[in-house]
Amino acid sequence: MNNFSKILGAKLLKIEDVNKATGISRTTLTNLYYRRQNNVELNTLKKICDYLQISLSDLIEYIPESIAK
């Protein structure tokens, strides 16, 4: 589960802000925002975390399938 949209909302940021600051494509950011993207490169996640000044665990939360059901 990713918290990208929640974090952007809390910080009053737009996808465009992250795009301009990190160089990550708007398509990738939009897919992450709407939780349409399952495979995101670690380097991309690092750039987002660095820009937002958050830890990776704040951005992405892993819930094992056995618990999620």
Foldseek 3Di string as FASTA:
>chain_A
DFCLLVLCVVVVHDLVVLCVQQVPDSVVSVCLNVVVDDDDDPVVLVSSCVVSVHDSCNGDPDDDPVRVD
